[in-house]
Amino acid sequence: MLSNLLARLPGANAYRRKFLDNEDDNLFMGSFGSFAAAEAGAPPSKAVGYDNAQAATQLYSHQVYFYDYPALFWLGRSLEEGMTRIFDLGGHVGIKYYAFRRVLPYPDGLRWTVCDVPGVVRAGEALALQRDAAAQLGFTTAPAEASGCDVLYASGSLQYLPQRLSEILAALAVKPRRIVLNTTALHPDRTLYTLNSIGFAVCPYRIEHHDELMAQLKQAGYRRRDGWRNEGKPIEVPFVDGGDKAYYGGCCFDLAG
């Protein structure tokens, strides 16, 4: 499928080879009709998705990046307001818990729960024991455990999930008081499904229509507090119409009423 998508475009074959041989870069390729179609179109030469040993051990460092600061501000405000139950959707092995505890005063009663795929969760649990963090940092594979949390936090993860955020929220018995999204892949005109190479694996990837995502949150009963773009963090889908318009951004929404 990738060959068919790119065969007639100048320079596309060279880029396809770069995509398939990629080891270190964050690359994107192709346009598909749905998340499932993107997953089905992944090349067979690499693993698909994050549920593998390499994802748990070879990705990310536990530091604060420049693009973390908008979300860091709202999480800090949340803690000041007594919101101590954080549900970190797609939080890997707790990378933001470890990064942010260097600059935020975590309260004794903090409960930070990371939701991720089974292989990553197992690695996260082991790391939390090694770092003596298990009293505050827990793990789950079930998004439904976000029910009743104070803050639903998603940093760079919504784009990898087969479910939309609205579907996750609709399944919760008790909705979170606050939602903080950061480094979410967004597009000004439409939703775009593509493939993302993370080196050792290829992932189906949703670049969400900005206005549609905002509307989903409002329809779920939330009101917007803030919104931003993560300037300086690049994203582009070459050889796709409008692929140069994608960007990363975030927002803070509070449950209305």
Foldseek 3Di string as FASTA:
>chain_A
DQCVLQVPDPPSVVVVVCLVQFAADKAWEDWDDALVRQQVPFDPPFAEDQQDQCNQPPDDALADDPQCVVVLVVVLVCVVVVQQFEEEEACQLVSPVSHSVVPHPRDPRHAYEYADDPNSQVSSVVVCVVVVNPSRYHYDNDLLVQAPHAEYEYELPQFQDNDHPLVSQVSHPHHHQKYKYWQQKEAQPAKTWIWIRNRRYITITIRHHVVVSVVSQVVSQKDWDDKFFSPPDDFAHPPDVRRRRIGTMITMIGHDD
